[in-house]
Amino acid sequence: MANTYVKIATVTVGAGGAASIDFSSIPATYTDLVLKLSARGTTTSGARDSLFATLNFNSTSTTYTVKVVRASGGTPSASSTGGPTGGYVDASNFTASSFSSTEIYVPNYASSNAKSFSIDSVTEQNATGWDTIMGLEAALWNGTAAINQITLTLDYGNFAQHSSASLYGISKS
């Protein structure tokens, strides 16, 4: 059976940036969700900014388990965390006009079980002095409600103008 992607919504950040990118009122009519993000942050405090994807933001069930594998400058590493996660975003002191790429895949998002999801992200840097980073994350959110909201935020700065995120529902046809 073929999978069919249906665009649910797209958010493009305007002038002045944005503290968050939010998808709300996500319908429970698909099998899986895919979020594709092209982003740049406004921070100048480091080589990159951490991206956080929070599911059902107002939910009382906020426990996450995350396993991360990443490589920076050719050096691989692995870690675990217990908070919302989402990959990495280019900082404003990265190569001008470069944007990171992230994909978040959430299978079976409307089930009454805990939700697993994966995150694949890479920053883009063509100048010396800062390493690019590639990350692959496997995550589990212990919430049992259908995912109806995804909120993206950054650790240090805001999303820069022209950052864009699209949310797709996937159904089998």
Foldseek 3Di string as FASTA:
>chain_A
DDKDKDWPDKDFAAAPFAQKDKFFQADPPFFKKKKKWWFEWADPPDQWWWKFKFFPVPDPQFWKWKWKWKDWPRRIDIDIDTHGGAGIWGYCPADPPWTKIKMKMWGRQAAQAKTKIKMWIWGDHDDPDGTIMTMIMIMIGGHRHRGRMIMMGIDPGGTHGRIMMIMIGMHDD
